[in-house]
Amino acid sequence: LDRVDQRLDRIENRLELRELAEAQARFEPHP
């Protein structure tokens, strides 16, 4: 259960980073 919890934390961190990158990409001006 501890290993699954650690994996879930890593997955959640990746999703948050991806969501943040996608949100930043939407607001960046395109040249």
PDB file of all heavy atoms in Angstrom:
ATOM      1  N   LEU A   1       0.833  -1.205   0.000  1.00  0.00           N
ATOM      2  CA  LEU A   1       0.000   0.000   0.000  1.00  0.00           C
ATOM      3  C   LEU A   1       0.863   1.249   0.000  1.00  0.00           C
ATOM      4  O   LEU A   1       0.553   2.234  -0.689  1.00  0.00           O
ATOM      5  CB  LEU A   1      -0.930  -0.009   1.216  1.00  0.00           C
ATOM      6  CG  LEU A   1      -1.944   1.115   1.323  1.00  0.00           C
ATOM      7  CD1 LEU A   1      -2.874   1.114   0.117  1.00  0.00           C
ATOM      8  CD2 LEU A   1      -2.744   0.965   2.603  1.00  0.00           C
ATOM      9  N   ASP A   2       1.978   1.210   0.728  1.00  0.00           N
ATOM     10  CA  ASP A   2       2.895   2.350   0.745  1.00  0.00           C
ATOM     11  C   ASP A   2       3.501   2.578  -0.641  1.00  0.00           C
ATOM     12  O   ASP A   2       3.602   3.721  -1.099  1.00  0.00           O
ATOM     13  CB  ASP A   2       3.997   2.117   1.778  1.00  0.00           C
ATOM     14  CG  ASP A   2       4.881   3.332   1.966  1.00  0.00           C
ATOM     15  OD1 ASP A   2       4.324   4.454   2.076  1.00  0.00           O
ATOM     16  OD2 ASP A   2       6.110   3.162   2.023  1.00  0.00           O
ATOM     17  N   ARG A   3       3.882   1.490  -1.323  1.00  0.00           N
ATOM     18  CA  ARG A   3       4.430   1.640  -2.682  1.00  0.00           C
ATOM     19  C   ARG A   3       3.384   2.190  -3.633  1.00  0.00           C
ATOM     20  O   ARG A   3       3.685   3.051  -4.476  1.00  0.00           O
ATOM     21  CB  ARG A   3       4.964   0.303  -3.181  1.00  0.00           C
ATOM     22  CG  ARG A   3       6.246  -0.127  -2.511  1.00  0.00           C
ATOM     23  CD  ARG A   3       6.920  -1.284  -3.229  1.00  0.00           C
ATOM     24  NE  ARG A   3       6.086  -2.444  -3.422  1.00  0.00           N
ATOM     25  CZ  ARG A   3       6.017  -3.492  -2.591  1.00  0.00           C
ATOM     26  NH1 ARG A   3       6.745  -3.493  -1.494  1.00  0.00           N
ATOM     27  NH2 ARG A   3       5.244  -4.524  -2.868  1.00  0.00           N
ATOM     28  N   VAL A   4       2.159   1.723  -3.522  1.00  0.00           N
ATOM     29  CA  VAL A   4       1.081   2.233  -4.382  1.00  0.00           C
ATOM     30  C   VAL A   4       0.848   3.705  -4.088  1.00  0.00           C
ATOM     31  O   VAL A   4       0.646   4.510  -5.012  1.00  0.00           O
ATOM     32  CB  VAL A   4      -0.212   1.403  -4.176  1.00  0.00           C
ATOM     33  CG1 VAL A   4      -1.409   2.081  -4.820  1.00  0.00           C
ATOM     34  CG2 VAL A   4      -0.041   0.004  -4.731  1.00  0.00           C
ATOM     35  N   ASP A   5       0.889   4.087  -2.831  1.00  0.00           N
ATOM     36  CA  ASP A   5       0.703   5.484  -2.446  1.00  0.00           C
ATOM     37  C   ASP A   5       1.814   6.362  -3.026  1.00  0.00           C
ATOM     38  O   ASP A   5       1.552   7.467  -3.525  1.00  0.00           O
ATOM     39  CB  ASP A   5       0.669   5.594  -0.922  1.00  0.00           C
ATOM     40  CG  ASP A   5       0.162   6.931  -0.436  1.00  0.00           C
ATOM     41  OD1 ASP A   5      -0.768   7.483  -1.075  1.00  0.00           O
ATOM     42  OD2 ASP A   5       0.672   7.412   0.591  1.00  0.00           O
ATOM     43  N   GLN A   6       3.044   5.873  -2.996  1.00  0.00           N
ATOM     44  CA  GLN A   6       4.157   6.629  -3.577  1.00  0.00           C
ATOM     45  C   GLN A   6       3.985   6.785  -5.085  1.00  0.00           C
ATOM     46  O   GLN A   6       4.208   7.866  -5.636  1.00  0.00           O
ATOM     47  CB  GLN A   6       5.486   5.936  -3.273  1.00  0.00           C
ATOM     48  CG  GLN A   6       5.890   6.010  -1.821  1.00  0.00           C
ATOM     49  CD  GLN A   6       7.124   5.168  -1.515  1.00  0.00           C
ATOM     50  OE1 GLN A   6       7.655   4.474  -2.387  1.00  0.00           O
ATOM     51  NE2 GLN A   6       7.573   5.215  -0.270  1.00  0.00           N
ATOM     52  N   ARG A   7       3.580   5.709  -5.753  1.00  0.00           N
ATOM     53  CA  ARG A   7       3.356   5.785  -7.199  1.00  0.00           C
ATOM     54  C   ARG A   7       2.231   6.765  -7.515  1.00  0.00           C
ATOM     55  O   ARG A   7       2.329   7.545  -8.471  1.00  0.00           O
ATOM     56  CB  ARG A   7       3.022   4.409  -7.756  1.00  0.00           C
ATOM     57  CG  ARG A   7       4.204   3.456  -7.738  1.00  0.00           C
ATOM     58  CD  ARG A   7       3.845   2.110  -8.281  1.00  0.00           C
ATOM     59  NE  ARG A   7       3.554   2.219  -9.704  1.00  0.00           N
ATOM     60  CZ  ARG A   7       3.004   1.250 -10.415  1.00  0.00           C
ATOM     61  NH1 ARG A   7       2.669   0.113  -9.840  1.00  0.00           N
ATOM     62  NH2 ARG A   7       2.791   1.415 -11.701  1.00  0.00           N
ATOM     63  N   LEU A   8       1.174   6.739  -6.720  1.00  0.00           N
ATOM     64  CA  LEU A   8       0.060   7.654  -6.936  1.00  0.00           C
ATOM     65  C   LEU A   8       0.504   9.096  -6.750  1.00  0.00           C
ATOM     66  O   LEU A   8       0.109   9.972  -7.532  1.00  0.00           O
ATOM     67  CB  LEU A   8      -1.086   7.321  -5.978  1.00  0.00           C
ATOM     68  CG  LEU A   8      -2.356   8.149  -6.123  1.00  0.00           C
ATOM     69  CD1 LEU A   8      -2.940   7.998  -7.524  1.00  0.00           C
ATOM     70  CD2 LEU A   8      -3.368   7.730  -5.076  1.00  0.00           C
ATOM     71  N   ASP A   9       1.349   9.356  -5.763  1.00  0.00           N
ATOM     72  CA  ASP A   9       1.880  10.711  -5.565  1.00  0.00           C
ATOM     73  C   ASP A   9       2.679  11.157  -6.786  1.00  0.00           C
ATOM     74  O   ASP A   9       2.543  12.309  -7.243  1.00  0.00           O
ATOM     75  CB  ASP A   9       2.763  10.777  -4.316  1.00  0.00           C
ATOM     76  CG  ASP A   9       1.967  10.745  -3.029  1.00  0.00           C
ATOM     77  OD1 ASP A   9       0.741  11.005  -3.070  1.00  0.00           O
ATOM     78  OD2 ASP A   9       2.579  10.453  -1.970  1.00  0.00           O
ATOM     79  N   ARG A  10       3.524  10.261  -7.328  1.00  0.00           N
ATOM     80  CA  ARG A  10       4.301  10.628  -8.523  1.00  0.00           C
ATOM     81  C   ARG A  10       3.384  10.901  -9.710  1.00  0.00           C
ATOM     82  O   ARG A  10       3.600  11.840 -10.473  1.00  0.00           O
ATOM     83  CB  ARG A  10       5.297   9.518  -8.857  1.00  0.00           C
ATOM     84  CG  ARG A  10       6.492   9.464  -7.920  1.00  0.00           C
ATOM     85  CD  ARG A  10       7.632   8.622  -8.482  1.00  0.00           C
ATOM     86  NE  ARG A  10       7.252   7.280  -8.854  1.00  0.00           N
ATOM     87  CZ  ARG A  10       7.329   6.210  -8.064  1.00  0.00           C
ATOM     88  NH1 ARG A  10       7.754   6.344  -6.833  1.00  0.00           N
ATOM     89  NH2 ARG A  10       6.973   5.023  -8.499  1.00  0.00           N
ATOM     90  N   ILE A  11       2.359  10.083  -9.866  1.00  0.00           N
ATOM     91  CA  ILE A  11       1.417  10.281 -10.979  1.00  0.00           C
ATOM     92  C   ILE A  11       0.694  11.611 -10.820  1.00  0.00           C
ATOM     93  O   ILE A  11       0.549  12.383 -11.790  1.00  0.00           O
ATOM     94  CB  ILE A  11       0.417   9.110 -11.045  1.00  0.00           C
ATOM     95  CG1 ILE A  11       1.128   7.841 -11.502  1.00  0.00           C
ATOM     96  CG2 ILE A  11      -0.752   9.435 -11.968  1.00  0.00           C
ATOM     97  CD1 ILE A  11       0.299   6.574 -11.336  1.00  0.00           C
ATOM     98  N   GLU A  12       0.250  11.915  -9.609  1.00  0.00           N
ATOM     99  CA  GLU A  12      -0.436  13.187  -9.378  1.00  0.00           C
ATOM    100  C   GLU A  12       0.493  14.360  -9.663  1.00  0.00           C
ATOM    101  O   GLU A  12       0.076  15.359 -10.255  1.00  0.00           O
ATOM    102  CB  GLU A  12      -0.958  13.253  -7.941  1.00  0.00           C
ATOM    103  CG  GLU A  12      -2.155  12.377  -7.693  1.00  0.00           C
ATOM    104  CD  GLU A  12      -2.571  12.350  -6.228  1.00  0.00           C
ATOM    105  OE1 GLU A  12      -1.765  12.732  -5.343  1.00  0.00           O
ATOM    106  OE2 GLU A  12      -3.708  11.921  -5.976  1.00  0.00           O
ATOM    107  N   ASN A  13       1.769  14.247  -9.256  1.00  0.00           N
ATOM    108  CA  ASN A  13       2.730  15.328  -9.534  1.00  0.00           C
ATOM    109  C   ASN A  13       2.916  15.510 -11.033  1.00  0.00           C
ATOM    110  O   ASN A  13       2.957  16.643 -11.527  1.00  0.00           O
ATOM    111  CB  ASN A  13       4.072  15.045  -8.865  1.00  0.00           C
ATOM    112  CG  ASN A  13       4.015  15.260  -7.376  1.00  0.00           C
ATOM    113  OD1 ASN A  13       3.169  15.985  -6.875  1.00  0.00           O
ATOM    114  ND2 ASN A  13       4.903  14.599  -6.657  1.00  0.00           N
ATOM    115  N   ARG A  14       3.024  14.409 -11.771  1.00  0.00           N
ATOM    116  CA  ARG A  14       3.164  14.510 -13.228  1.00  0.00           C
ATOM    117  C   ARG A  14       1.948  15.172 -13.851  1.00  0.00           C
ATOM    118  O   ARG A  14       2.071  16.014 -14.746  1.00  0.00           O
ATOM    119  CB  ARG A  14       3.359  13.134 -13.851  1.00  0.00           C
ATOM    120  CG  ARG A  14       4.729  12.569 -13.684  1.00  0.00           C
ATOM    121  CD  ARG A  14       4.808  11.253 -14.393  1.00  0.00           C
ATOM    122  NE  ARG A  14       6.118  10.671 -14.303  1.00  0.00           N
ATOM    123  CZ  ARG A  14       6.428   9.490 -14.769  1.00  0.00           C
ATOM    124  NH1 ARG A  14       5.497   8.757 -15.365  1.00  0.00           N
ATOM    125  NH2 ARG A  14       7.636   9.014 -14.663  1.00  0.00           N
ATOM    126  N   LEU A  15       0.768  14.786 -13.418  1.00  0.00           N
ATOM    127  CA  LEU A  15      -0.448  15.373 -13.971  1.00  0.00           C
ATOM    128  C   LEU A  15      -0.528  16.867 -13.679  1.00  0.00           C
ATOM    129  O   LEU A  15      -0.922  17.655 -14.542  1.00  0.00           O
ATOM    130  CB  LEU A  15      -1.689  14.663 -13.416  1.00  0.00           C
ATOM    131  CG  LEU A  15      -1.930  13.250 -13.926  1.00  0.00           C
ATOM    132  CD1 LEU A  15      -3.123  12.630 -13.211  1.00  0.00           C
ATOM    133  CD2 LEU A  15      -2.156  13.250 -15.428  1.00  0.00           C
ATOM    134  N   GLU A  16      -0.136  17.253 -12.474  1.00  0.00           N
ATOM    135  CA  GLU A  16      -0.154  18.679 -12.145  1.00  0.00           C
ATOM    136  C   GLU A  16       0.842  19.449 -12.996  1.00  0.00           C
ATOM    137  O   GLU A  16       0.546  20.544 -13.471  1.00  0.00           O
ATOM    138  CB  GLU A  16       0.141  18.876 -10.656  1.00  0.00           C
ATOM    139  CG  GLU A  16      -1.008  18.464  -9.754  1.00  0.00           C
ATOM    140  CD  GLU A  16      -0.640  18.510  -8.281  1.00  0.00           C
ATOM    141  OE1 GLU A  16       0.459  18.988  -7.939  1.00  0.00           O
ATOM    142  OE2 GLU A  16      -1.464  18.045  -7.473  1.00  0.00           O
ATOM    143  N   LEU A  17       2.037  18.870 -13.218  1.00  0.00           N
ATOM    144  CA  LEU A  17       3.026  19.534 -14.066  1.00  0.00           C
ATOM    145  C   LEU A  17       2.516  19.647 -15.494  1.00  0.00           C
ATOM    146  O   LEU A  17       2.672  20.679 -16.147  1.00  0.00           O
ATOM    147  CB  LEU A  17       4.354  18.778 -14.032  1.00  0.00           C
ATOM    148  CG  LEU A  17       5.129  18.835 -12.719  1.00  0.00           C
ATOM    149  CD1 LEU A  17       6.353  17.928 -12.793  1.00  0.00           C
ATOM    150  CD2 LEU A  17       5.538  20.257 -12.389  1.00  0.00           C
ATOM    151  N   ARG A  18       1.896  18.587 -16.000  1.00  0.00           N
ATOM    152  CA  ARG A  18       1.367  18.596 -17.360  1.00  0.00           C
ATOM    153  C   ARG A  18       0.237  19.618 -17.482  1.00  0.00           C
ATOM    154  O   ARG A  18       0.176  20.383 -18.440  1.00  0.00           O
ATOM    155  CB  ARG A  18       0.867  17.213 -17.754  1.00  0.00           C
ATOM    156  CG  ARG A  18       0.379  17.176 -19.203  1.00  0.00           C
ATOM    157  CD  ARG A  18      -0.034  15.799 -19.635  1.00  0.00           C
ATOM    158  NE  ARG A  18       1.126  14.914 -19.613  1.00  0.00           N
ATOM    159  CZ  ARG A  18       1.058  13.607 -19.473  1.00  0.00           C
ATOM    160  NH1 ARG A  18      -0.110  13.019 -19.345  1.00  0.00           N
ATOM    161  NH2 ARG A  18       2.140  12.866 -19.471  1.00  0.00           N
ATOM    162  N   GLU A  19      -0.657  19.642 -16.498  1.00  0.00           N
ATOM    163  CA  GLU A  19      -1.753  20.613 -16.531  1.00  0.00           C
ATOM    164  C   GLU A  19      -1.212  22.032 -16.469  1.00  0.00           C
ATOM    165  O   GLU A  19      -1.710  22.923 -17.166  1.00  0.00           O
ATOM    166  CB  GLU A  19      -2.724  20.354 -15.379  1.00  0.00           C
ATOM    167  CG  GLU A  19      -3.545  19.098 -15.556  1.00  0.00           C
ATOM    168  CD  GLU A  19      -4.342  18.763 -14.306  1.00  0.00           C
ATOM    169  OE1 GLU A  19      -4.216  19.478 -13.285  1.00  0.00           O
ATOM    170  OE2 GLU A  19      -5.086  17.768 -14.345  1.00  0.00           O
ATOM    171  N   LEU A  20      -0.177  22.252 -15.672  1.00  0.00           N
ATOM    172  CA  LEU A  20       0.430  23.576 -15.584  1.00  0.00           C
ATOM    173  C   LEU A  20       1.060  23.958 -16.913  1.00  0.00           C
ATOM    174  O   LEU A  20       0.888  25.089 -17.399  1.00  0.00           O
ATOM    175  CB  LEU A  20       1.480  23.604 -14.463  1.00  0.00           C
ATOM    176  CG  LEU A  20       2.231  24.917 -14.258  1.00  0.00           C
ATOM    177  CD1 LEU A  20       1.278  26.033 -13.885  1.00  0.00           C
ATOM    178  CD2 LEU A  20       3.299  24.756 -13.203  1.00  0.00           C
ATOM    179  N   ALA A  21       1.779  23.037 -17.550  1.00  0.00           N
ATOM    180  CA  ALA A  21       2.414  23.317 -18.845  1.00  0.00           C
ATOM    181  C   ALA A  21       1.353  23.586 -19.906  1.00  0.00           C
ATOM    182  O   ALA A  21       1.513  24.499 -20.738  1.00  0.00           O
ATOM    183  CB  ALA A  21       3.299  22.151 -19.262  1.00  0.00           C
ATOM    184  N   GLU A  22       0.273  22.834 -19.902  1.00  0.00           N
ATOM    185  CA  GLU A  22      -0.798  23.060 -20.876  1.00  0.00           C
ATOM    186  C   GLU A  22      -1.461  24.409 -20.652  1.00  0.00           C
ATOM    187  O   GLU A  22      -1.762  25.133 -21.608  1.00  0.00           O
ATOM    188  CB  GLU A  22      -1.839  21.939 -20.790  1.00  0.00           C
ATOM    189  CG  GLU A  22      -1.342  20.606 -21.317  1.00  0.00           C
ATOM    190  CD  GLU A  22      -2.323  19.469 -21.035  1.00  0.00           C
ATOM    191  OE1 GLU A  22      -3.365  19.704 -20.373  1.00  0.00           O
ATOM    192  OE2 GLU A  22      -2.031  18.336 -21.479  1.00  0.00           O
ATOM    193  N   ALA A  23      -1.662  24.785 -19.401  1.00  0.00           N
ATOM    194  CA  ALA A  23      -2.269  26.084 -19.100  1.00  0.00           C
ATOM    195  C   ALA A  23      -1.343  27.211 -19.523  1.00  0.00           C
ATOM    196  O   ALA A  23      -1.795  28.218 -20.086  1.00  0.00           O
ATOM    197  CB  ALA A  23      -2.593  26.183 -17.612  1.00  0.00           C
ATOM    198  N   GLN A  24      -0.049  27.059 -19.308  1.00  0.00           N
ATOM    199  CA  GLN A  24       0.897  28.102 -19.709  1.00  0.00           C
ATOM    200  C   GLN A  24       0.967  28.197 -21.231  1.00  0.00           C
ATOM    201  O   GLN A  24       1.086  29.294 -21.780  1.00  0.00           O
ATOM    202  CB  GLN A  24       2.285  27.812 -19.135  1.00  0.00           C
ATOM    203  CG  GLN A  24       2.387  28.058 -17.651  1.00  0.00           C
ATOM    204  CD  GLN A  24       3.743  27.662 -17.089  1.00  0.00           C
ATOM    205  OE1 GLN A  24       4.522  26.975 -17.740  1.00  0.00           O
ATOM    206  NE2 GLN A  24       4.003  28.092 -15.854  1.00  0.00           N
ATOM    207  N   ALA A  25       0.876  27.066 -21.899  1.00  0.00           N
ATOM    208  CA  ALA A  25       0.935  27.076 -23.361  1.00  0.00           C
ATOM    209  C   ALA A  25      -0.274  27.799 -23.935  1.00  0.00           C
ATOM    210  O   ALA A  25      -0.185  28.453 -24.983  1.00  0.00           O
ATOM    211  CB  ALA A  25       1.013  25.650 -23.896  1.00  0.00           C
ATOM    212  N   ARG A  26      -1.407  27.702 -23.312  1.00  0.00           N
ATOM    213  CA  ARG A  26      -2.604  28.381 -23.808  1.00  0.00           C
ATOM    214  C   ARG A  26      -2.476  29.894 -23.702  1.00  0.00           C
ATOM    215  O   ARG A  26      -3.040  30.621 -24.522  1.00  0.00           O
ATOM    216  CB  ARG A  26      -3.826  27.909 -23.001  1.00  0.00           C
ATOM    217  CG  ARG A  26      -4.401  26.633 -23.552  1.00  0.00           C
ATOM    218  CD  ARG A  26      -5.717  26.308 -22.882  1.00  0.00           C
ATOM    219  NE  ARG A  26      -5.516  25.061 -22.144  1.00  0.00           N
ATOM    220  CZ  ARG A  26      -5.913  24.802 -20.925  1.00  0.00           C
ATOM    221  NH1 ARG A  26      -6.590  25.691 -20.257  1.00  0.00           N
ATOM    222  NH2 ARG A  26      -5.656  23.657 -20.360  1.00  0.00           N
ATOM    223  N   PHE A  27      -1.770  30.386 -22.691  1.00  0.00           N
ATOM    224  CA  PHE A  27      -1.697  31.806 -22.464  1.00  0.00           C
ATOM    225  C   PHE A  27      -0.458  32.456 -23.060  1.00  0.00           C
ATOM    226  O   PHE A  27      -0.334  33.678 -23.013  1.00  0.00           O
ATOM    227  CB  PHE A  27      -1.789  32.109 -20.971  1.00  0.00           C
ATOM    228  CG  PHE A  27      -3.136  31.761 -20.388  1.00  0.00           C
ATOM    229  CD1 PHE A  27      -3.274  30.734 -19.481  1.00  0.00           C
ATOM    230  CD2 PHE A  27      -4.261  32.469 -20.779  1.00  0.00           C
ATOM    231  CE1 PHE A  27      -4.509  30.410 -18.954  1.00  0.00           C
ATOM    232  CE2 PHE A  27      -5.513  32.167 -20.258  1.00  0.00           C
ATOM    233  CZ  PHE A  27      -5.633  31.139 -19.329  1.00  0.00           C
ATOM    234  N   GLU A  28       0.451  31.682 -23.587  1.00  0.00           N
ATOM    235  CA  GLU A  28       1.660  32.260 -24.190  1.00  0.00           C
ATOM    236  C   GLU A  28       1.313  32.811 -25.575  1.00  0.00           C
ATOM    237  O   GLU A  28       0.579  32.187 -26.345  1.00  0.00           O
ATOM    238  CB  GLU A  28       2.754  31.196 -24.334  1.00  0.00           C
ATOM    239  CG  GLU A  28       3.416  30.828 -23.022  1.00  0.00           C
ATOM    240  CD  GLU A  28       4.526  29.815 -23.216  1.00  0.00           C
ATOM    241  OE1 GLU A  28       4.806  29.406 -24.361  1.00  0.00           O
ATOM    242  OE2 GLU A  28       5.111  29.414 -22.204  1.00  0.00           O
ATOM    243  N   PRO A  29       1.840  33.985 -25.891  1.00  0.00           N
ATOM    244  CA  PRO A  29       1.611  34.508 -27.242  1.00  0.00           C
ATOM    245  C   PRO A  29       2.424  33.739 -28.277  1.00  0.00           C
ATOM    246  O   PRO A  29       3.566  33.365 -28.011  1.00  0.00           O
ATOM    247  CB  PRO A  29       2.076  35.956 -27.149  1.00  0.00           C
ATOM    248  CG  PRO A  29       2.969  36.005 -25.960  1.00  0.00           C
ATOM    249  CD  PRO A  29       2.571  34.883 -25.062  1.00  0.00           C
ATOM    250  N   HIS A  30       1.810  33.454 -29.408  1.00  0.00           N
ATOM    251  CA  HIS A  30       2.506  32.735 -30.482  1.00  0.00           C
ATOM    252  C   HIS A  30       3.116  33.753 -31.431  1.00  0.00           C
ATOM    253  O   HIS A  30       2.472  34.695 -31.841  1.00  0.00           O
ATOM    254  CB  HIS A  30       1.539  31.829 -31.234  1.00  0.00           C
ATOM    255  CG  HIS A  30       1.026  30.712 -30.373  1.00  0.00           C
ATOM    256  ND1 HIS A  30       1.824  29.675 -29.967  1.00  0.00           N
ATOM    257  CD2 HIS A  30      -0.203  30.481 -29.823  1.00  0.00           C
ATOM    258  CE1 HIS A  30       1.093  28.838 -29.221  1.00  0.00           C
ATOM    259  NE2 HIS A  30      -0.132  29.331 -29.126  1.00  0.00           N
ATOM    260  N   PRO A  31       4.373  33.588 -31.850  1.00  0.00           N
ATOM    261  CA  PRO A  31       5.012  34.570 -32.776  1.00  0.00           C
ATOM    262  C   PRO A  31       4.490  34.487 -34.176  1.00  0.00           C
ATOM    263  O   PRO A  31       3.897  33.690 -34.713  1.00  0.00           O
ATOM    264  CB  PRO A  31       6.490  34.204 -32.727  1.00  0.00           C
ATOM    265  CG  PRO A  31       6.611  32.890 -32.054  1.00  0.00           C
ATOM    266  CD  PRO A  31       5.316  32.600 -31.384  1.00  0.00           C
TER     267      PRO A  31
END
